[in-house]
Every structure is written in C-alpha cells, then in structure tokens.
Amino acid sequence: ITEFILRGFGELRELRILLFLVFLMIYIMTM
C-alpha cells in the first residue's frame, strides 16, 4: 500500500460539522 486511511471519528459522522467547529475553535485558541 502507498496510502493509509485515517478513520478518525468515523463513528460520529452525523456530528462531523459540530466537531469541526469545536476543534477549529480549539486550534485557533491554541495558536
């Protein structure tokens, strides 16, 4: 194989937009 698939939080697909916003805010505050 030449590529991996990061499953991440695949079991929470319905919450991915919410999770994106939460972790984006965390990243901005961290930086």
Full PDB file with SEQRES, HELIX, SHEET, SSBOND, CRYST1, ORIGX, SCALE, CONECT and MASTER records, all heavy atoms in Angstrom:
SEQRES   1 A   31  ILE THR GLU PHE ILE LEU ARG GLY PHE GLY GLU LEU ARG          
SEQRES   2 A   31  GLU LEU ARG ILE LEU LEU PHE LEU VAL PHE LEU MET ILE          
SEQRES   3 A   31  TYR ILE MET THR MET                                          
HELIX    1 AA1 GLY A   10  LEU A   15  5                                   6    
HELIX    2 AA2 ARG A   16  THR A   30  1                                  15    
CRYST1    1.000    1.000    1.000  90.00  90.00  90.00 P 1           1          
ORIGX1      1.000000  0.000000  0.000000        0.00000                         
ORIGX2      0.000000  1.000000  0.000000        0.00000                         
ORIGX3      0.000000  0.000000  1.000000        0.00000                         
SCALE1      1.000000  0.000000  0.000000        0.00000                         
SCALE2      0.000000  1.000000  0.000000        0.00000                         
SCALE3      0.000000  0.000000  1.000000        0.00000                         
ATOM      1  N   ILE A   1       0.835  -1.204   0.000  1.00  0.00           N  
ATOM      2  CA  ILE A   1       0.000   0.000   0.000  1.00  0.00           C  
ATOM      3  C   ILE A   1       0.866   1.249   0.000  1.00  0.00           C  
ATOM      4  O   ILE A   1       1.977   1.262   0.533  1.00  0.00           O  
ATOM      5  CB  ILE A   1      -0.960   0.014   1.210  1.00  0.00           C  
ATOM      6  CG1 ILE A   1      -0.172  -0.022   2.534  1.00  0.00           C  
ATOM      7  CG2 ILE A   1      -1.936  -1.145   1.139  1.00  0.00           C  
ATOM      8  CD1 ILE A   1      -1.035   0.118   3.759  1.00  0.00           C  
ATOM      9  N   THR A   2       0.344   2.294  -0.617  1.00  0.00           N  
ATOM     10  CA  THR A   2       1.048   3.583  -0.677  1.00  0.00           C  
ATOM     11  C   THR A   2       0.271   4.676   0.061  1.00  0.00           C  
ATOM     12  O   THR A   2       0.713   5.815   0.129  1.00  0.00           O  
ATOM     13  CB  THR A   2       1.250   4.025  -2.140  1.00  0.00           C  
ATOM     14  OG1 THR A   2      -0.024   4.131  -2.786  1.00  0.00           O  
ATOM     15  CG2 THR A   2       2.116   3.020  -2.885  1.00  0.00           C  
ATOM     16  N   GLU A   3      -0.886   4.304   0.621  1.00  0.00           N  
ATOM     17  CA  GLU A   3      -1.741   5.288   1.284  1.00  0.00           C  
ATOM     18  C   GLU A   3      -2.467   4.650   2.464  1.00  0.00           C  
ATOM     19  O   GLU A   3      -2.915   3.503   2.390  1.00  0.00           O  
ATOM     20  CB  GLU A   3      -2.761   5.840   0.281  1.00  0.00           C  
ATOM     21  CG  GLU A   3      -3.656   6.933   0.839  1.00  0.00           C  
ATOM     22  CD  GLU A   3      -4.654   7.434  -0.186  1.00  0.00           C  
ATOM     23  OE1 GLU A   3      -5.567   6.657  -0.532  1.00  0.00           O  
ATOM     24  OE2 GLU A   3      -4.535   8.588  -0.643  1.00  0.00           O  
ATOM     25  N   PHE A   4      -2.559   5.392   3.539  1.00  0.00           N  
ATOM     26  CA  PHE A   4      -3.351   4.985   4.700  1.00  0.00           C  
ATOM     27  C   PHE A   4      -4.659   5.766   4.702  1.00  0.00           C  
ATOM     28  O   PHE A   4      -4.731   6.892   4.184  1.00  0.00           O  
ATOM     29  CB  PHE A   4      -2.605   5.264   6.004  1.00  0.00           C  
ATOM     30  CG  PHE A   4      -1.414   4.384   6.241  1.00  0.00           C  
ATOM     31  CD1 PHE A   4      -0.151   4.946   6.437  1.00  0.00           C  
ATOM     32  CD2 PHE A   4      -1.538   3.010   6.305  1.00  0.00           C  
ATOM     33  CE1 PHE A   4       0.957   4.134   6.669  1.00  0.00           C  
ATOM     34  CE2 PHE A   4      -0.440   2.194   6.526  1.00  0.00           C  
ATOM     35  CZ  PHE A   4       0.799   2.767   6.710  1.00  0.00           C  
ATOM     36  N   ILE A   5      -5.674   5.194   5.343  1.00  0.00           N  
ATOM     37  CA  ILE A   5      -6.944   5.880   5.557  1.00  0.00           C  
ATOM     38  C   ILE A   5      -7.078   6.135   7.056  1.00  0.00           C  
ATOM     39  O   ILE A   5      -7.097   5.185   7.850  1.00  0.00           O  
ATOM     40  CB  ILE A   5      -8.144   5.037   5.067  1.00  0.00           C  
ATOM     41  CG1 ILE A   5      -7.971   4.662   3.598  1.00  0.00           C  
ATOM     42  CG2 ILE A   5      -9.451   5.800   5.290  1.00  0.00           C  
ATOM     43  CD1 ILE A   5      -7.951   5.837   2.657  1.00  0.00           C  
ATOM     44  N   LEU A   6      -7.142   7.409   7.427  1.00  0.00           N  
ATOM     45  CA  LEU A   6      -7.332   7.755   8.839  1.00  0.00           C  
ATOM     46  C   LEU A   6      -8.826   7.722   9.150  1.00  0.00           C  
ATOM     47  O   LEU A   6      -9.594   8.560   8.674  1.00  0.00           O  
ATOM     48  CB  LEU A   6      -6.771   9.152   9.120  1.00  0.00           C  
ATOM     49  CG  LEU A   6      -5.247   9.302   9.104  1.00  0.00           C  
ATOM     50  CD1 LEU A   6      -4.855  10.764   9.233  1.00  0.00           C  
ATOM     51  CD2 LEU A   6      -4.605   8.482  10.210  1.00  0.00           C  
ATOM     52  N   ARG A   7      -9.243   6.736   9.939  1.00  0.00           N  
ATOM     53  CA  ARG A   7     -10.670   6.592  10.237  1.00  0.00           C  
ATOM     54  C   ARG A   7     -11.161   7.716  11.129  1.00  0.00           C  
ATOM     55  O   ARG A   7     -12.297   8.154  11.030  1.00  0.00           O  
ATOM     56  CB  ARG A   7     -10.928   5.239  10.907  1.00  0.00           C  
ATOM     57  CG  ARG A   7     -12.394   4.913  11.062  1.00  0.00           C  
ATOM     58  CD  ARG A   7     -12.604   3.443  11.365  1.00  0.00           C  
ATOM     59  NE  ARG A   7     -14.030   3.145  11.428  1.00  0.00           N  
ATOM     60  CZ  ARG A   7     -14.751   3.180  12.543  1.00  0.00           C  
ATOM     61  NH1 ARG A   7     -14.167   3.489  13.685  1.00  0.00           N  
ATOM     62  NH2 ARG A   7     -16.039   2.893  12.532  1.00  0.00           N  
ATOM     63  N   GLY A   8     -10.301   8.202  11.997  1.00  0.00           N  
ATOM     64  CA  GLY A   8     -10.662   9.329  12.855  1.00  0.00           C  
ATOM     65  C   GLY A   8     -11.873   9.028  13.712  1.00  0.00           C  
ATOM     66  O   GLY A   8     -11.946   8.018  14.403  1.00  0.00           O  
ATOM     67  N   PHE A   9     -12.876   9.941  13.627  1.00  0.00           N  
ATOM     68  CA  PHE A   9     -14.114   9.762  14.382  1.00  0.00           C  
ATOM     69  C   PHE A   9     -15.239   9.370  13.421  1.00  0.00           C  
ATOM     70  O   PHE A   9     -16.319   9.960  13.427  1.00  0.00           O  
ATOM     71  CB  PHE A   9     -14.464  11.054  15.126  1.00  0.00           C  
ATOM     72  CG  PHE A   9     -13.416  11.474  16.119  1.00  0.00           C  
ATOM     73  CD1 PHE A   9     -12.438  12.388  15.769  1.00  0.00           C  
ATOM     74  CD2 PHE A   9     -13.393  10.936  17.395  1.00  0.00           C  
ATOM     75  CE1 PHE A   9     -11.465  12.773  16.682  1.00  0.00           C  
ATOM     76  CE2 PHE A   9     -12.423  11.315  18.314  1.00  0.00           C  
ATOM     77  CZ  PHE A   9     -11.458  12.231  17.957  1.00  0.00           C  
ATOM     78  N   GLY A  10     -14.943   8.356  12.594  1.00  0.00           N  
ATOM     79  CA  GLY A  10     -15.904   7.919  11.583  1.00  0.00           C  
ATOM     80  C   GLY A  10     -17.222   7.458  12.150  1.00  0.00           C  
ATOM     81  O   GLY A  10     -18.263   7.529  11.485  1.00  0.00           O  
ATOM     82  N   GLU A  11     -17.214   7.002  13.415  1.00  0.00           N  
ATOM     83  CA  GLU A  11     -18.459   6.537  14.042  1.00  0.00           C  
ATOM     84  C   GLU A  11     -19.360   7.701  14.454  1.00  0.00           C  
ATOM     85  O   GLU A  11     -20.504   7.499  14.869  1.00  0.00           O  
ATOM     86  CB  GLU A  11     -18.135   5.665  15.267  1.00  0.00           C  
ATOM     87  CG  GLU A  11     -17.475   6.374  16.425  1.00  0.00           C  
ATOM     88  CD  GLU A  11     -15.983   6.625  16.214  1.00  0.00           C  
ATOM     89  OE1 GLU A  11     -15.447   6.183  15.176  1.00  0.00           O  
ATOM     90  OE2 GLU A  11     -15.363   7.252  17.082  1.00  0.00           O  
ATOM     91  N   LEU A  12     -18.862   8.940  14.335  1.00  0.00           N  
ATOM     92  CA  LEU A  12     -19.649  10.134  14.694  1.00  0.00           C  
ATOM     93  C   LEU A  12     -19.880  11.016  13.469  1.00  0.00           C  
ATOM     94  O   LEU A  12     -19.813  12.243  13.559  1.00  0.00           O  
ATOM     95  CB  LEU A  12     -18.916  10.924  15.786  1.00  0.00           C  
ATOM     96  CG  LEU A  12     -18.623  10.187  17.102  1.00  0.00           C  
ATOM     97  CD1 LEU A  12     -17.766  11.042  18.016  1.00  0.00           C  
ATOM     98  CD2 LEU A  12     -19.926   9.798  17.810  1.00  0.00           C  
ATOM     99  N   ARG A  13     -20.168  10.405  12.331  1.00  0.00           N  
ATOM    100  CA  ARG A  13     -20.317  11.141  11.072  1.00  0.00           C  
ATOM    101  C   ARG A  13     -21.386  12.223  11.155  1.00  0.00           C  
ATOM    102  O   ARG A  13     -21.234  13.305  10.582  1.00  0.00           O  
ATOM    103  CB  ARG A  13     -20.644  10.181   9.930  1.00  0.00           C  
ATOM    104  CG  ARG A  13     -19.464   9.349   9.464  1.00  0.00           C  
ATOM    105  CD  ARG A  13     -19.864   8.454   8.314  1.00  0.00           C  
ATOM    106  NE  ARG A  13     -20.394   9.215   7.188  1.00  0.00           N  
ATOM    107  CZ  ARG A  13     -19.646   9.815   6.276  1.00  0.00           C  
ATOM    108  NH1 ARG A  13     -18.321   9.751   6.344  1.00  0.00           N  
ATOM    109  NH2 ARG A  13     -20.208  10.483   5.283  1.00  0.00           N  
ATOM    110  N   GLU A  14     -22.486  11.935  11.863  1.00  0.00           N  
ATOM    111  CA  GLU A  14     -23.581  12.918  11.941  1.00  0.00           C  
ATOM    112  C   GLU A  14     -23.184  14.160  12.734  1.00  0.00           C  
ATOM    113  O   GLU A  14     -23.858  15.197  12.666  1.00  0.00           O  
ATOM    114  CB  GLU A  14     -24.828  12.272  12.552  1.00  0.00           C  
ATOM    115  CG  GLU A  14     -24.698  11.839  14.000  1.00  0.00           C  
ATOM    116  CD  GLU A  14     -24.016  10.489  14.181  1.00  0.00           C  
ATOM    117  OE1 GLU A  14     -23.574   9.907  13.161  1.00  0.00           O  
ATOM    118  OE2 GLU A  14     -23.921  10.016  15.326  1.00  0.00           O  
ATOM    119  N   LEU A  15     -22.091  14.067  13.497  1.00  0.00           N  
ATOM    120  CA  LEU A  15     -21.636  15.208  14.306  1.00  0.00           C  
ATOM    121  C   LEU A  15     -20.394  15.872  13.727  1.00  0.00           C  
ATOM    122  O   LEU A  15     -19.778  16.697  14.394  1.00  0.00           O  
ATOM    123  CB  LEU A  15     -21.327  14.743  15.737  1.00  0.00           C  
ATOM    124  CG  LEU A  15     -22.484  14.150  16.548  1.00  0.00           C  
ATOM    125  CD1 LEU A  15     -21.972  13.651  17.884  1.00  0.00           C  
ATOM    126  CD2 LEU A  15     -23.592  15.171  16.740  1.00  0.00           C  
ATOM    127  N   ARG A  16     -20.036  15.533  12.480  1.00  0.00           N  
ATOM    128  CA  ARG A  16     -18.744  15.991  11.968  1.00  0.00           C  
ATOM    129  C   ARG A  16     -18.664  17.503  11.818  1.00  0.00           C  
ATOM    130  O   ARG A  16     -17.601  18.085  12.028  1.00  0.00           O  
ATOM    131  CB  ARG A  16     -18.411  15.302  10.650  1.00  0.00           C  
ATOM    132  CG  ARG A  16     -19.347  15.574   9.504  1.00  0.00           C  
ATOM    133  CD  ARG A  16     -18.883  14.820   8.273  1.00  0.00           C  
ATOM    134  NE  ARG A  16     -19.717  15.123   7.109  1.00  0.00           N  
ATOM    135  CZ  ARG A  16     -19.459  14.687   5.890  1.00  0.00           C  
ATOM    136  NH1 ARG A  16     -18.395  13.938   5.680  1.00  0.00           N  
ATOM    137  NH2 ARG A  16     -20.250  14.996   4.887  1.00  0.00           N  
ATOM    138  N   ILE A  17     -19.774  18.187  11.463  1.00  0.00           N  
ATOM    139  CA  ILE A  17     -19.741  19.656  11.344  1.00  0.00           C  
ATOM    140  C   ILE A  17     -19.546  20.283  12.718  1.00  0.00           C  
ATOM    141  O   ILE A  17     -18.748  21.219  12.884  1.00  0.00           O  
ATOM    142  CB  ILE A  17     -21.038  20.179  10.694  1.00  0.00           C  
ATOM    143  CG1 ILE A  17     -21.193  19.608   9.279  1.00  0.00           C  
ATOM    144  CG2 ILE A  17     -21.010  21.711  10.642  1.00  0.00           C  
ATOM    145  CD1 ILE A  17     -20.050  19.940   8.344  1.00  0.00           C  
ATOM    146  N   LEU A  18     -20.273  19.768  13.706  1.00  0.00           N  
ATOM    147  CA  LEU A  18     -20.117  20.273  15.068  1.00  0.00           C  
ATOM    148  C   LEU A  18     -18.701  20.037  15.573  1.00  0.00           C  
ATOM    149  O   LEU A  18     -18.064  20.932  16.163  1.00  0.00           O  
ATOM    150  CB  LEU A  18     -21.129  19.596  15.991  1.00  0.00           C  
ATOM    151  CG  LEU A  18     -21.029  19.950  17.486  1.00  0.00           C  
ATOM    152  CD1 LEU A  18     -21.253  21.445  17.689  1.00  0.00           C  
ATOM    153  CD2 LEU A  18     -22.024  19.132  18.301  1.00  0.00           C  
ATOM    154  N   LEU A  19     -18.173  18.826  15.335  1.00  0.00           N  
ATOM    155  CA  LEU A  19     -16.817  18.513  15.761  1.00  0.00           C  
ATOM    156  C   LEU A  19     -15.793  19.386  15.044  1.00  0.00           C  
ATOM    157  O   LEU A  19     -14.807  19.833  15.652  1.00  0.00           O  
ATOM    158  CB  LEU A  19     -16.506  17.037  15.501  1.00  0.00           C  
ATOM    159  CG  LEU A  19     -17.239  16.028  16.389  1.00  0.00           C  
ATOM    160  CD1 LEU A  19     -16.969  14.604  15.912  1.00  0.00           C  
ATOM    161  CD2 LEU A  19     -16.811  16.180  17.844  1.00  0.00           C  
ATOM    162  N   PHE A  20     -16.046  19.655  13.752  1.00  0.00           N  
ATOM    163  CA  PHE A  20     -15.147  20.539  13.003  1.00  0.00           C  
ATOM    164  C   PHE A  20     -15.088  21.920  13.649  1.00  0.00           C  
ATOM    165  O   PHE A  20     -14.000  22.476  13.850  1.00  0.00           O  
ATOM    166  CB  PHE A  20     -15.617  20.662  11.551  1.00  0.00           C  
ATOM    167  CG  PHE A  20     -14.905  21.739  10.777  1.00  0.00           C  
ATOM    168  CD1 PHE A  20     -13.641  21.530  10.265  1.00  0.00           C  
ATOM    169  CD2 PHE A  20     -15.504  22.984  10.587  1.00  0.00           C  
ATOM    170  CE1 PHE A  20     -12.974  22.522   9.566  1.00  0.00           C  
ATOM    171  CE2 PHE A  20     -14.847  23.988   9.892  1.00  0.00           C  
ATOM    172  CZ  PHE A  20     -13.587  23.760   9.378  1.00  0.00           C  
ATOM    173  N   LEU A  21     -16.246  22.476  14.000  1.00  0.00           N  
ATOM    174  CA  LEU A  21     -16.291  23.812  14.590  1.00  0.00           C  
ATOM    175  C   LEU A  21     -15.619  23.835  15.967  1.00  0.00           C  
ATOM    176  O   LEU A  21     -14.890  24.775  16.299  1.00  0.00           O  
ATOM    177  CB  LEU A  21     -17.751  24.280  14.708  1.00  0.00           C  
ATOM    178  CG  LEU A  21     -18.478  24.522  13.375  1.00  0.00           C  
ATOM    179  CD1 LEU A  21     -19.951  24.846  13.626  1.00  0.00           C  
ATOM    180  CD2 LEU A  21     -17.812  25.651  12.598  1.00  0.00           C  
ATOM    181  N   VAL A  22     -15.858  22.782  16.754  1.00  0.00           N  
ATOM    182  CA  VAL A  22     -15.251  22.707  18.093  1.00  0.00           C  
ATOM    183  C   VAL A  22     -13.732  22.648  17.992  1.00  0.00           C  
ATOM    184  O   VAL A  22     -13.017  23.416  18.647  1.00  0.00           O  
ATOM    185  CB  VAL A  22     -15.784  21.480  18.865  1.00  0.00           C  
ATOM    186  CG1 VAL A  22     -14.974  21.261  20.145  1.00  0.00           C  
ATOM    187  CG2 VAL A  22     -17.254  21.671  19.207  1.00  0.00           C  
ATOM    188  N   PHE A  23     -13.220  21.745  17.146  1.00  0.00           N  
ATOM    189  CA  PHE A  23     -11.770  21.586  17.044  1.00  0.00           C  
ATOM    190  C   PHE A  23     -11.116  22.762  16.308  1.00  0.00           C  
ATOM    191  O   PHE A  23      -9.957  23.081  16.572  1.00  0.00           O  
ATOM    192  CB  PHE A  23     -11.426  20.264  16.366  1.00  0.00           C  
ATOM    193  CG  PHE A  23     -11.617  19.067  17.251  1.00  0.00           C  
ATOM    194  CD1 PHE A  23     -12.631  18.152  17.027  1.00  0.00           C  
ATOM    195  CD2 PHE A  23     -10.791  18.875  18.347  1.00  0.00           C  
ATOM    196  CE1 PHE A  23     -12.809  17.053  17.852  1.00  0.00           C  
ATOM    197  CE2 PHE A  23     -10.956  17.783  19.190  1.00  0.00           C  
ATOM    198  CZ  PHE A  23     -11.974  16.867  18.942  1.00  0.00           C  
ATOM    199  N   LEU A  24     -11.857  23.415  15.409  1.00  0.00           N  
ATOM    200  CA  LEU A  24     -11.337  24.622  14.768  1.00  0.00           C  
ATOM    201  C   LEU A  24     -11.154  25.728  15.802  1.00  0.00           C  
ATOM    202  O   LEU A  24     -10.128  26.429  15.814  1.00  0.00           O  
ATOM    203  CB  LEU A  24     -12.279  25.090  13.658  1.00  0.00           C  
ATOM    204  CG  LEU A  24     -11.894  26.407  12.960  1.00  0.00           C  
ATOM    205  CD1 LEU A  24     -10.545  26.267  12.258  1.00  0.00           C  
ATOM    206  CD2 LEU A  24     -12.984  26.830  11.970  1.00  0.00           C  
ATOM    207  N   MET A  25     -12.139  25.889  16.681  1.00  0.00           N  
ATOM    208  CA  MET A  25     -12.027  26.897  17.740  1.00  0.00           C  
ATOM    209  C   MET A  25     -10.863  26.579  18.673  1.00  0.00           C  
ATOM    210  O   MET A  25     -10.107  27.471  19.077  1.00  0.00           O  
ATOM    211  CB  MET A  25     -13.341  26.954  18.534  1.00  0.00           C  
ATOM    212  CG  MET A  25     -13.396  28.062  19.571  1.00  0.00           C  
ATOM    213  SD  MET A  25     -13.182  29.709  18.832  1.00  0.00           S  
ATOM    214  CE  MET A  25     -14.632  29.790  17.781  1.00  0.00           C  
ATOM    215  N   ILE A  26     -10.703  25.296  19.002  1.00  0.00           N  
ATOM    216  CA  ILE A  26      -9.587  24.885  19.861  1.00  0.00           C  
ATOM    217  C   ILE A  26      -8.254  25.208  19.189  1.00  0.00           C  
ATOM    218  O   ILE A  26      -7.325  25.723  19.826  1.00  0.00           O  
ATOM    219  CB  ILE A  26      -9.680  23.376  20.185  1.00  0.00           C  
ATOM    220  CG1 ILE A  26     -10.839  23.111  21.140  1.00  0.00           C  
ATOM    221  CG2 ILE A  26      -8.369  22.865  20.796  1.00  0.00           C  
ATOM    222  CD1 ILE A  26     -11.104  21.638  21.400  1.00  0.00           C  
ATOM    223  N   TYR A  27      -8.166  24.926  17.890  1.00  0.00           N  
ATOM    224  CA  TYR A  27      -6.919  25.178  17.157  1.00  0.00           C  
ATOM    225  C   TYR A  27      -6.590  26.669  17.121  1.00  0.00           C  
ATOM    226  O   TYR A  27      -5.439  27.070  17.364  1.00  0.00           O  
ATOM    227  CB  TYR A  27      -7.039  24.635  15.738  1.00  0.00           C  
ATOM    228  CG  TYR A  27      -5.777  24.761  14.917  1.00  0.00           C  
ATOM    229  CD1 TYR A  27      -4.557  24.313  15.401  1.00  0.00           C  
ATOM    230  CD2 TYR A  27      -5.801  25.350  13.643  1.00  0.00           C  
ATOM    231  CE1 TYR A  27      -3.394  24.424  14.650  1.00  0.00           C  
ATOM    232  CE2 TYR A  27      -4.647  25.464  12.889  1.00  0.00           C  
ATOM    233  CZ  TYR A  27      -3.450  25.002  13.400  1.00  0.00           C  
ATOM    234  OH  TYR A  27      -2.296  25.121  12.651  1.00  0.00           O  
ATOM    235  N   ILE A  28      -7.598  27.496  16.847  1.00  0.00           N  
ATOM    236  CA  ILE A  28      -7.388  28.952  16.796  1.00  0.00           C  
ATOM    237  C   ILE A  28      -6.927  29.469  18.163  1.00  0.00           C  
ATOM    238  O   ILE A  28      -5.965  30.243  18.266  1.00  0.00           O  
ATOM    239  CB  ILE A  28      -8.668  29.676  16.345  1.00  0.00           C  
ATOM    240  CG1 ILE A  28      -8.976  29.344  14.884  1.00  0.00           C  
ATOM    241  CG2 ILE A  28      -8.529  31.191  16.528  1.00  0.00           C  
ATOM    242  CD1 ILE A  28     -10.321  29.857  14.404  1.00  0.00           C  
ATOM    243  N   MET A  29      -7.613  29.029  19.224  1.00  0.00           N  
ATOM    244  CA  MET A  29      -7.259  29.475  20.579  1.00  0.00           C  
ATOM    245  C   MET A  29      -5.862  28.995  20.972  1.00  0.00           C  
ATOM    246  O   MET A  29      -5.096  29.727  21.611  1.00  0.00           O  
ATOM    247  CB  MET A  29      -8.299  28.957  21.581  1.00  0.00           C  
ATOM    248  CG  MET A  29      -9.671  29.592  21.450  1.00  0.00           C  
ATOM    249  SD  MET A  29     -10.913  28.786  22.489  1.00  0.00           S  
ATOM    250  CE  MET A  29     -10.259  29.117  24.127  1.00  0.00           C  
ATOM    251  N   THR A  30      -5.524  27.774  20.563  1.00  0.00           N  
ATOM    252  CA  THR A  30      -4.198  27.233  20.862  1.00  0.00           C  
ATOM    253  C   THR A  30      -3.111  28.050  20.181  1.00  0.00           C  
ATOM    254  O   THR A  30      -2.102  28.409  20.805  1.00  0.00           O  
ATOM    255  CB  THR A  30      -4.101  25.764  20.405  1.00  0.00           C  
ATOM    256  OG1 THR A  30      -5.090  24.992  21.083  1.00  0.00           O  
ATOM    257  CG2 THR A  30      -2.722  25.190  20.688  1.00  0.00           C  
ATOM    258  N   MET A  31      -3.326  28.353  18.900  1.00  0.00           N  
ATOM    259  CA  MET A  31      -2.331  29.116  18.156  1.00  0.00           C  
ATOM    260  C   MET A  31      -2.193  30.530  18.702  1.00  0.00           C  
ATOM    261  O   MET A  31      -1.078  31.030  18.889  1.00  0.00           O  
ATOM    262  CB  MET A  31      -2.720  29.152  16.671  1.00  0.00           C  
ATOM    263  CG  MET A  31      -2.724  27.791  15.983  1.00  0.00           C  
ATOM    264  SD  MET A  31      -1.115  26.974  16.022  1.00  0.00           S  
ATOM    265  CE  MET A  31      -0.236  27.953  14.813  1.00  0.00           C  
TER     266      MET A  31                                                      
MASTER        0    0    0    2    0    0    0    6  265    1    0    3          
END                                                                             
